[in-house]
Amino acid sequence: MASNYNWKRKKDLITGKWYWPTEAHRVRKLPLYRYVETRTIVDVKTGCWNWISKGKHGWSYARHTELDGVVSVGVASWRCFFGPIPKGLDVCHECDNGHCANPTHLFLGTRKQNMQDCVAKKRHVHGSNHYRAKLSNKLVRKMKKLRDAGMTYQAIANSVGVTLGPCWDAINGKSWKHL
């Protein structure tokens, strides 16, 4: 008797590793709510349902036949408990825990609302913590002192090793506003 299950090796979209597709949720065809339930651990303090399956770089992703590929845990949980997500909306977390699948911690919002929420809660990477940052608080203070001493923007930029635009922005408060 021939099986209709595809036993060819597959490449994991997250890790890039090859695997044999024998995951329990595919073989046993678990419903989506059971799939979410079996891959979460409840944090008693916060009430978060923390996703235990981690992908590349520690991000939490869900892969299930009902999800049409790989999606974030929030999207998987929303689809499981509330149904489809309207076009143009994102699934946002009230708890600010990207690994949380608790449907009571999720809400829908536009991309702009999600980014405003991120900035308001200071969850975004900014300043010297950004991976491409060339300036630091100490360096910006030094640049401002040099400008007060009469040095030109171009000379300051050359001495620091940045172009004129970021130098001008930092000194005049367009960026690095907190200094």
N, C-alpha and C. Protein backbone atom coordinates (compact mmCIF):
# COMPACT_ATOMS: atom_id res chain seq x y z
N MET A 1 0.85 -1.19 0.00
CA MET A 1 0.00 0.00 0.00
C MET A 1 0.89 1.25 0.00
N ALA A 2 0.70 2.10 -0.94
CA ALA A 2 1.53 3.30 -1.08
C ALA A 2 1.01 4.41 -0.17
N SER A 3 1.95 5.10 0.45
CA SER A 3 1.62 6.23 1.31
C SER A 3 1.64 7.51 0.49
N ASN A 4 0.77 8.44 0.79
CA ASN A 4 0.79 9.72 0.08
C ASN A 4 1.71 10.73 0.77
N TYR A 5 2.42 10.31 1.80
CA TYR A 5 3.33 11.19 2.52
C TYR A 5 4.63 11.32 1.75
N ASN A 6 5.15 12.52 1.62
CA ASN A 6 6.37 12.80 0.88
C ASN A 6 7.58 12.55 1.78
N TRP A 7 8.38 11.53 1.47
CA TRP A 7 9.53 11.18 2.30
C TRP A 7 10.84 11.74 1.76
N LYS A 8 10.79 12.70 0.85
CA LYS A 8 12.01 13.31 0.34
C LYS A 8 12.59 14.26 1.39
N ARG A 9 13.90 14.40 1.38
CA ARG A 9 14.54 15.34 2.30
C ARG A 9 14.12 16.76 1.95
N LYS A 10 14.02 17.60 2.96
CA LYS A 10 13.64 19.00 2.76
C LYS A 10 14.66 19.90 3.44
N LYS A 11 14.71 21.14 2.96
CA LYS A 11 15.61 22.11 3.55
C LYS A 11 14.81 23.04 4.45
N ASP A 12 15.26 23.20 5.69
CA ASP A 12 14.59 24.08 6.64
C ASP A 12 14.79 25.53 6.20
N LEU A 13 13.72 26.29 6.06
CA LEU A 13 13.80 27.67 5.59
C LEU A 13 14.47 28.58 6.60
N ILE A 14 14.41 28.23 7.88
CA ILE A 14 14.98 29.07 8.92
C ILE A 14 16.46 28.80 9.11
N THR A 15 16.81 27.54 9.35
CA THR A 15 18.20 27.20 9.66
C THR A 15 19.02 26.88 8.42
N GLY A 16 18.37 26.53 7.31
CA GLY A 16 19.08 26.15 6.10
C GLY A 16 19.59 24.73 6.12
N LYS A 17 19.26 23.97 7.17
CA LYS A 17 19.72 22.58 7.28
C LYS A 17 18.72 21.64 6.61
N TRP A 18 19.24 20.52 6.11
CA TRP A 18 18.40 19.51 5.50
C TRP A 18 17.87 18.58 6.58
N TYR A 19 16.63 18.11 6.42
CA TYR A 19 16.04 17.21 7.41
C TYR A 19 15.07 16.27 6.71
N TRP A 20 14.76 15.19 7.42
CA TRP A 20 13.72 14.28 6.95
C TRP A 20 12.41 14.75 7.54
N PRO A 21 11.39 14.98 6.74
CA PRO A 21 10.14 15.58 7.25
C PRO A 21 9.30 14.59 8.07
N THR A 22 9.77 14.32 9.28
CA THR A 22 9.05 13.38 10.14
C THR A 22 8.58 14.05 11.42
N GLU A 23 8.39 15.38 11.39
CA GLU A 23 7.94 16.08 12.59
C GLU A 23 6.58 15.54 13.01
N ALA A 24 6.36 15.50 14.30
CA ALA A 24 5.14 14.91 14.83
C ALA A 24 3.88 15.60 14.32
N HIS A 25 3.91 16.94 14.18
CA HIS A 25 2.70 17.65 13.76
C HIS A 25 2.35 17.35 12.30
N ARG A 26 3.33 16.95 11.48
CA ARG A 26 3.03 16.63 10.09
C ARG A 26 2.59 15.17 9.95
N VAL A 27 3.25 14.26 10.67
CA VAL A 27 2.93 12.85 10.56
C VAL A 27 1.55 12.57 11.17
N ARG A 28 1.32 13.10 12.37
CA ARG A 28 0.05 12.85 13.05
C ARG A 28 -1.03 13.84 12.65
N LYS A 29 -0.66 14.86 11.89
CA LYS A 29 -1.59 15.90 11.44
C LYS A 29 -2.37 16.51 12.61
N LEU A 30 -1.62 17.04 13.58
CA LEU A 30 -2.24 17.70 14.72
C LEU A 30 -3.01 18.93 14.26
N PRO A 31 -4.17 19.21 14.86
CA PRO A 31 -4.84 20.47 14.56
C PRO A 31 -3.96 21.63 15.05
N LEU A 32 -4.17 22.80 14.49
CA LEU A 32 -3.32 23.95 14.80
C LEU A 32 -3.31 24.29 16.28
N TYR A 33 -4.47 24.23 16.95
CA TYR A 33 -4.50 24.60 18.37
C TYR A 33 -3.68 23.61 19.21
N ARG A 34 -3.66 22.32 18.84
CA ARG A 34 -2.85 21.33 19.56
C ARG A 34 -1.36 21.55 19.27
N TYR A 35 -1.06 21.95 18.04
CA TYR A 35 0.32 22.25 17.66
C TYR A 35 0.86 23.40 18.52
N VAL A 36 0.06 24.46 18.66
CA VAL A 36 0.47 25.60 19.49
C VAL A 36 0.59 25.17 20.95
N GLU A 37 -0.35 24.40 21.41
CA GLU A 37 -0.38 23.95 22.81
C GLU A 37 0.85 23.09 23.14
N THR A 38 1.26 22.22 22.24
CA THR A 38 2.38 21.32 22.52
C THR A 38 3.74 22.00 22.43
N ARG A 39 3.80 23.20 21.89
CA ARG A 39 5.09 23.87 21.74
C ARG A 39 5.22 25.12 22.60
N THR A 40 4.42 25.25 23.62
CA THR A 40 4.51 26.41 24.51
C THR A 40 4.63 25.97 25.96
N ILE A 41 5.28 26.81 26.74
CA ILE A 41 5.38 26.63 28.19
C ILE A 41 4.86 27.92 28.82
N VAL A 42 3.96 27.82 29.78
CA VAL A 42 3.36 28.99 30.41
C VAL A 42 4.29 29.53 31.49
N ASP A 43 4.58 30.84 31.40
CA ASP A 43 5.34 31.54 32.43
C ASP A 43 4.34 32.06 33.46
N VAL A 44 4.41 31.56 34.67
CA VAL A 44 3.41 31.87 35.69
C VAL A 44 3.43 33.35 36.07
N LYS A 45 4.63 33.96 36.10
CA LYS A 45 4.74 35.38 36.48
C LYS A 45 4.06 36.30 35.48
N THR A 46 4.38 36.11 34.20
CA THR A 46 3.92 37.05 33.16
C THR A 46 2.65 36.59 32.46
N GLY A 47 2.36 35.30 32.51
CA GLY A 47 1.21 34.77 31.79
C GLY A 47 1.52 34.49 30.32
N CYS A 48 2.76 34.67 29.93
CA CYS A 48 3.15 34.42 28.54
C CYS A 48 3.21 32.93 28.27
N TRP A 49 2.80 32.55 27.06
CA TRP A 49 2.96 31.18 26.58
C TRP A 49 4.22 31.19 25.74
N ASN A 50 5.36 30.89 26.34
CA ASN A 50 6.64 30.99 25.64
C ASN A 50 6.83 29.82 24.69
N TRP A 51 7.16 30.14 23.46
CA TRP A 51 7.37 29.16 22.40
C TRP A 51 8.71 28.48 22.64
N ILE A 52 8.73 27.15 22.63
CA ILE A 52 9.96 26.43 22.94
C ILE A 52 10.77 26.07 21.71
N SER A 53 10.17 26.10 20.54
CA SER A 53 10.90 25.79 19.30
C SER A 53 11.51 27.08 18.78
N LYS A 54 12.83 27.13 18.73
CA LYS A 54 13.51 28.34 18.28
C LYS A 54 14.16 28.08 16.94
N GLY A 55 14.16 29.10 16.10
CA GLY A 55 14.78 29.01 14.79
C GLY A 55 16.12 29.70 14.78
N LYS A 56 16.54 30.11 13.60
CA LYS A 56 17.81 30.79 13.41
C LYS A 56 17.82 32.10 14.21
N HIS A 57 18.93 32.40 14.84
CA HIS A 57 19.13 33.63 15.62
C HIS A 57 18.21 33.70 16.83
N GLY A 58 17.63 32.59 17.28
CA GLY A 58 16.80 32.58 18.48
C GLY A 58 15.38 33.05 18.27
N TRP A 59 14.98 33.40 17.05
CA TRP A 59 13.62 33.84 16.80
C TRP A 59 12.67 32.66 16.83
N SER A 60 11.45 32.91 17.23
CA SER A 60 10.45 31.85 17.31
C SER A 60 9.59 31.86 16.05
N TYR A 61 9.57 30.74 15.36
CA TYR A 61 8.77 30.59 14.17
C TYR A 61 7.92 29.34 14.29
N ALA A 62 6.80 29.33 13.60
CA ALA A 62 5.91 28.17 13.58
C ALA A 62 5.80 27.67 12.15
N ARG A 63 5.81 26.35 12.00
CA ARG A 63 5.64 25.74 10.69
C ARG A 63 4.59 24.65 10.84
N HIS A 64 3.46 24.83 10.20
CA HIS A 64 2.35 23.88 10.28
C HIS A 64 1.62 23.89 8.95
N THR A 65 0.97 22.79 8.61
CA THR A 65 0.30 22.70 7.32
C THR A 65 -0.80 23.73 7.15
N GLU A 66 -1.44 24.16 8.23
CA GLU A 66 -2.52 25.15 8.13
C GLU A 66 -2.01 26.58 8.03
N LEU A 67 -0.71 26.79 8.18
CA LEU A 67 -0.16 28.14 8.23
C LEU A 67 0.43 28.63 6.92
N ASP A 68 0.45 27.81 5.89
CA ASP A 68 1.02 28.20 4.60
C ASP A 68 2.48 28.62 4.72
N GLY A 69 3.30 27.78 5.28
CA GLY A 69 4.73 28.06 5.38
C GLY A 69 5.16 28.42 6.78
N VAL A 70 6.21 29.23 6.87
CA VAL A 70 6.79 29.61 8.15
C VAL A 70 6.29 31.01 8.53
N VAL A 71 5.74 31.13 9.73
CA VAL A 71 5.25 32.42 10.22
C VAL A 71 5.73 32.64 11.64
N SER A 72 5.59 33.86 12.14
CA SER A 72 5.97 34.14 13.52
C SER A 72 4.97 33.49 14.47
N VAL A 73 5.39 33.35 15.70
CA VAL A 73 4.55 32.72 16.71
C VAL A 73 3.27 33.52 16.94
N GLY A 74 3.38 34.84 16.95
CA GLY A 74 2.19 35.67 17.15
C GLY A 74 1.17 35.47 16.05
N VAL A 75 1.62 35.39 14.82
CA VAL A 75 0.73 35.17 13.68
C VAL A 75 0.08 33.79 13.78
N ALA A 76 0.88 32.78 14.14
CA ALA A 76 0.34 31.42 14.27
C ALA A 76 -0.73 31.37 15.35
N SER A 77 -0.47 31.99 16.48
CA SER A 77 -1.43 31.99 17.58
C SER A 77 -2.69 32.76 17.20
N TRP A 78 -2.53 33.91 16.54
CA TRP A 78 -3.70 34.70 16.14
C TRP A 78 -4.59 33.89 15.19
N ARG A 79 -3.96 33.27 14.18
CA ARG A 79 -4.73 32.48 13.23
C ARG A 79 -5.42 31.30 13.91
N CYS A 80 -4.75 30.72 14.88
CA CYS A 80 -5.30 29.57 15.59
C CYS A 80 -6.53 29.95 16.39
N PHE A 81 -6.49 31.06 17.12
CA PHE A 81 -7.57 31.39 18.05
C PHE A 81 -8.59 32.39 17.50
N PHE A 82 -8.18 33.24 16.54
CA PHE A 82 -9.09 34.28 16.05
C PHE A 82 -9.39 34.21 14.56
N GLY A 83 -8.64 33.41 13.83
CA GLY A 83 -8.88 33.30 12.39
C GLY A 83 -7.92 34.12 11.57
N PRO A 84 -8.28 34.38 10.31
CA PRO A 84 -7.37 35.09 9.41
C PRO A 84 -7.11 36.54 9.85
N ILE A 85 -5.94 37.03 9.45
CA ILE A 85 -5.55 38.40 9.76
C ILE A 85 -5.93 39.28 8.58
N PRO A 86 -6.70 40.35 8.80
CA PRO A 86 -7.07 41.24 7.69
C PRO A 86 -5.84 41.84 7.01
N LYS A 87 -5.95 42.04 5.73
CA LYS A 87 -4.84 42.58 4.95
C LYS A 87 -4.46 43.98 5.45
N GLY A 88 -3.18 44.23 5.57
CA GLY A 88 -2.68 45.52 6.00
C GLY A 88 -2.51 45.65 7.50
N LEU A 89 -2.79 44.58 8.26
CA LEU A 89 -2.64 44.64 9.71
C LEU A 89 -1.54 43.68 10.17
N ASP A 90 -0.89 44.05 11.27
CA ASP A 90 0.14 43.23 11.90
C ASP A 90 -0.39 42.69 13.21
N VAL A 91 0.18 41.60 13.67
CA VAL A 91 -0.11 41.08 15.00
C VAL A 91 0.91 41.70 15.94
N CYS A 92 0.44 42.42 16.95
CA CYS A 92 1.30 43.12 17.89
C CYS A 92 1.22 42.45 19.26
N HIS A 93 2.28 42.57 20.05
CA HIS A 93 2.34 41.97 21.39
C HIS A 93 2.21 43.06 22.45
N GLU A 94 1.27 42.90 23.37
CA GLU A 94 1.18 43.83 24.51
C GLU A 94 2.31 43.57 25.50
N CYS A 95 2.74 42.31 25.59
CA CYS A 95 3.74 41.92 26.58
C CYS A 95 5.17 42.18 26.09
N ASP A 96 5.34 42.56 24.85
CA ASP A 96 6.66 42.82 24.26
C ASP A 96 7.58 41.60 24.30
N ASN A 97 7.00 40.42 24.27
CA ASN A 97 7.75 39.17 24.27
C ASN A 97 7.49 38.50 22.92
N GLY A 98 8.46 38.52 22.04
CA GLY A 98 8.30 37.96 20.71
C GLY A 98 8.09 36.46 20.69
N HIS A 99 8.41 35.79 21.79
CA HIS A 99 8.24 34.34 21.88
C HIS A 99 6.88 33.96 22.47
N CYS A 100 6.05 34.95 22.81
CA CYS A 100 4.77 34.69 23.46
C CYS A 100 3.69 34.35 22.44
N ALA A 101 2.93 33.28 22.75
CA ALA A 101 1.83 32.85 21.89
C ALA A 101 0.49 32.98 22.60
N ASN A 102 0.44 33.65 23.73
CA ASN A 102 -0.81 33.82 24.48
C ASN A 102 -1.72 34.76 23.69
N PRO A 103 -2.90 34.27 23.27
CA PRO A 103 -3.77 35.11 22.44
C PRO A 103 -4.30 36.35 23.16
N THR A 104 -4.33 36.33 24.49
CA THR A 104 -4.80 37.53 25.22
C THR A 104 -3.74 38.62 25.25
N HIS A 105 -2.50 38.30 24.88
CA HIS A 105 -1.43 39.29 24.82
C HIS A 105 -1.26 39.87 23.43
N LEU A 106 -2.10 39.46 22.49
CA LEU A 106 -1.97 39.89 21.10
C LEU A 106 -3.08 40.86 20.72
N PHE A 107 -2.77 41.77 19.81
CA PHE A 107 -3.78 42.66 19.24
C PHE A 107 -3.36 43.01 17.82
N LEU A 108 -4.31 43.44 17.03
CA LEU A 108 -4.02 43.82 15.65
C LEU A 108 -3.81 45.32 15.55
N GLY A 109 -2.88 45.72 14.70
CA GLY A 109 -2.63 47.13 14.45
C GLY A 109 -1.94 47.28 13.12
N THR A 110 -1.91 48.49 12.61
CA THR A 110 -1.21 48.76 11.37
C THR A 110 0.30 48.71 11.63
N ARG A 111 1.08 48.64 10.58
CA ARG A 111 2.54 48.64 10.73
C ARG A 111 2.99 49.92 11.43
N LYS A 112 2.36 51.05 11.10
CA LYS A 112 2.73 52.33 11.72
C LYS A 112 2.44 52.30 13.22
N GLN A 113 1.28 51.77 13.62
CA GLN A 113 0.94 51.67 15.05
C GLN A 113 1.92 50.74 15.76
N ASN A 114 2.29 49.65 15.12
CA ASN A 114 3.23 48.71 15.71
C ASN A 114 4.60 49.37 15.93
N MET A 115 5.06 50.14 14.94
CA MET A 115 6.35 50.82 15.07
C MET A 115 6.29 51.93 16.11
N GLN A 116 5.17 52.67 16.19
CA GLN A 116 5.01 53.70 17.20
C GLN A 116 5.02 53.09 18.60
N ASP A 117 4.38 51.93 18.76
CA ASP A 117 4.38 51.21 20.02
C ASP A 117 5.81 50.78 20.39
N CYS A 118 6.55 50.32 19.40
CA CYS A 118 7.93 49.90 19.59
C CYS A 118 8.80 51.07 20.06
N VAL A 119 8.67 52.21 19.42
CA VAL A 119 9.46 53.38 19.79
C VAL A 119 9.04 53.92 21.15
N ALA A 120 7.74 53.95 21.43
CA ALA A 120 7.25 54.45 22.72
C ALA A 120 7.75 53.61 23.89
N LYS A 121 7.91 52.31 23.67
CA LYS A 121 8.37 51.41 24.72
C LYS A 121 9.89 51.23 24.69
N LYS A 122 10.57 51.95 23.81
CA LYS A 122 12.03 51.91 23.65
C LYS A 122 12.54 50.49 23.42
N ARG A 123 11.83 49.75 22.55
CA ARG A 123 12.25 48.40 22.19
C ARG A 123 13.11 48.41 20.93
N HIS A 124 13.15 49.53 20.24
CA HIS A 124 13.93 49.58 19.00
C HIS A 124 15.40 49.85 19.33
N VAL A 125 16.26 49.45 18.43
CA VAL A 125 17.69 49.67 18.61
C VAL A 125 18.00 51.07 18.09
N HIS A 126 18.62 51.86 18.93
CA HIS A 126 18.93 53.23 18.54
C HIS A 126 20.23 53.67 19.20
N GLY A 127 20.77 54.78 18.71
CA GLY A 127 21.99 55.33 19.29
C GLY A 127 23.19 54.42 19.09
N SER A 128 24.06 54.40 20.08
CA SER A 128 25.29 53.62 19.97
C SER A 128 25.05 52.12 20.08
N ASN A 129 23.84 51.70 20.43
CA ASN A 129 23.51 50.27 20.50
C ASN A 129 23.24 49.67 19.12
N HIS A 130 23.02 50.52 18.12
CA HIS A 130 22.74 50.03 16.78
C HIS A 130 24.00 49.40 16.21
N TYR A 131 23.83 48.31 15.47
CA TYR A 131 24.99 47.56 14.98
C TYR A 131 25.82 48.33 13.96
N ARG A 132 25.27 49.37 13.35
CA ARG A 132 26.02 50.14 12.37
C ARG A 132 26.46 51.51 12.91
N ALA A 133 26.29 51.73 14.20
CA ALA A 133 26.61 53.03 14.79
C ALA A 133 28.10 53.30 14.75
N LYS A 134 28.45 54.50 14.32
CA LYS A 134 29.85 54.91 14.30
C LYS A 134 30.12 55.95 15.38
N LEU A 135 29.06 56.51 15.93
CA LEU A 135 29.20 57.54 16.96
C LEU A 135 28.76 56.99 18.31
N SER A 136 29.28 57.61 19.36
CA SER A 136 28.86 57.28 20.72
C SER A 136 28.54 58.59 21.44
N ASN A 137 27.94 58.49 22.62
CA ASN A 137 27.61 59.69 23.38
C ASN A 137 28.86 60.52 23.66
N LYS A 138 29.93 59.85 24.04
CA LYS A 138 31.18 60.54 24.36
C LYS A 138 31.73 61.27 23.13
N LEU A 139 31.67 60.62 21.98
CA LEU A 139 32.19 61.21 20.74
C LEU A 139 31.34 62.40 20.29
N VAL A 140 30.01 62.32 20.47
CA VAL A 140 29.14 63.43 20.08
C VAL A 140 29.39 64.64 20.98
N ARG A 141 29.59 64.40 22.27
CA ARG A 141 29.92 65.52 23.18
C ARG A 141 31.22 66.19 22.75
N LYS A 142 32.22 65.37 22.38
CA LYS A 142 33.50 65.90 21.91
C LYS A 142 33.30 66.73 20.64
N MET A 143 32.47 66.23 19.72
CA MET A 143 32.20 66.95 18.47
C MET A 143 31.55 68.30 18.75
N LYS A 144 30.63 68.34 19.71
CA LYS A 144 29.96 69.62 20.05
C LYS A 144 30.95 70.61 20.64
N LYS A 145 31.87 70.12 21.46
CA LYS A 145 32.89 71.00 22.03
C LYS A 145 33.81 71.56 20.95
N LEU A 146 34.17 70.70 19.98
CA LEU A 146 35.01 71.16 18.88
C LEU A 146 34.30 72.22 18.04
N ARG A 147 33.02 72.05 17.84
CA ARG A 147 32.24 73.03 17.07
C ARG A 147 32.13 74.35 17.83
N ASP A 148 31.94 74.26 19.15
CA ASP A 148 31.89 75.48 19.97
C ASP A 148 33.23 76.21 19.96
N ALA A 149 34.30 75.44 19.78
CA ALA A 149 35.63 76.04 19.71
C ALA A 149 35.91 76.67 18.35
N GLY A 150 34.99 76.52 17.38
CA GLY A 150 35.13 77.18 16.09
C GLY A 150 35.59 76.28 14.96
N MET A 151 35.73 75.02 15.18
CA MET A 151 36.15 74.09 14.13
C MET A 151 35.00 73.89 13.14
N THR A 152 35.31 73.71 11.86
CA THR A 152 34.26 73.53 10.84
C THR A 152 33.67 72.11 10.92
N TYR A 153 32.46 71.98 10.39
CA TYR A 153 31.80 70.67 10.38
C TYR A 153 32.63 69.65 9.60
N GLN A 154 33.18 70.06 8.47
CA GLN A 154 33.95 69.14 7.64
C GLN A 154 35.20 68.67 8.36
N ALA A 155 35.88 69.57 9.07
CA ALA A 155 37.09 69.20 9.81
C ALA A 155 36.74 68.24 10.95
N ILE A 156 35.63 68.49 11.62
CA ILE A 156 35.19 67.60 12.70
C ILE A 156 34.85 66.22 12.12
N ALA A 157 34.12 66.21 11.02
CA ALA A 157 33.74 64.93 10.39
C ALA A 157 34.97 64.14 9.97
N ASN A 158 35.96 64.81 9.41
CA ASN A 158 37.19 64.14 8.99
C ASN A 158 37.95 63.58 10.20
N SER A 159 37.98 64.33 11.29
CA SER A 159 38.72 63.87 12.47
C SER A 159 38.04 62.68 13.15
N VAL A 160 36.71 62.62 13.04
CA VAL A 160 35.95 61.54 13.69
C VAL A 160 35.84 60.32 12.79
N GLY A 161 35.88 60.52 11.48
CA GLY A 161 35.80 59.41 10.54
C GLY A 161 34.40 59.14 10.03
N VAL A 162 33.57 60.19 9.98
CA VAL A 162 32.22 60.07 9.41
C VAL A 162 32.07 61.12 8.32
N THR A 163 30.98 61.03 7.59
CA THR A 163 30.73 62.04 6.55
C THR A 163 30.11 63.28 7.17
N LEU A 164 29.97 64.29 6.35
CA LEU A 164 29.48 65.58 6.83
C LEU A 164 28.05 65.52 7.36
N GLY A 165 27.16 64.77 6.69
CA GLY A 165 25.76 64.71 7.09
C GLY A 165 25.53 64.23 8.52
N PRO A 166 26.02 63.05 8.89
CA PRO A 166 25.84 62.58 10.27
C PRO A 166 26.51 63.48 11.29
N CYS A 167 27.62 64.07 10.91
CA CYS A 167 28.31 65.00 11.82
C CYS A 167 27.42 66.20 12.11
N TRP A 168 26.87 66.81 11.08
CA TRP A 168 25.99 67.97 11.24
C TRP A 168 24.74 67.59 12.04
N ASP A 169 24.14 66.43 11.71
CA ASP A 169 22.93 65.99 12.42
C ASP A 169 23.19 65.80 13.90
N ALA A 170 24.32 65.20 14.27
CA ALA A 170 24.62 64.94 15.68
C ALA A 170 24.88 66.23 16.43
N ILE A 171 25.64 67.13 15.84
CA ILE A 171 25.98 68.38 16.52
C ILE A 171 24.76 69.27 16.70
N ASN A 172 23.88 69.32 15.70
CA ASN A 172 22.72 70.21 15.75
C ASN A 172 21.46 69.56 16.35
N GLY A 173 21.57 68.35 16.84
CA GLY A 173 20.47 67.73 17.56
C GLY A 173 19.41 67.06 16.70
N LYS A 174 19.67 66.90 15.40
CA LYS A 174 18.72 66.19 14.57
C LYS A 174 18.74 64.70 14.90
N SER A 175 19.96 64.20 15.17
CA SER A 175 20.12 62.87 15.75
C SER A 175 20.83 63.09 17.08
N TRP A 176 20.88 62.12 17.92
CA TRP A 176 21.47 62.25 19.25
C TRP A 176 20.82 63.40 20.02
N LYS A 177 19.49 63.40 20.05
CA LYS A 177 18.73 64.49 20.66
C LYS A 177 18.87 64.55 22.17
N HIS A 178 19.18 63.43 22.79
CA HIS A 178 19.23 63.39 24.25
C HIS A 178 20.47 64.06 24.83
N LEU A 179 21.43 64.43 24.00
CA LEU A 179 22.66 65.05 24.51
C LEU A 179 22.57 66.56 24.48
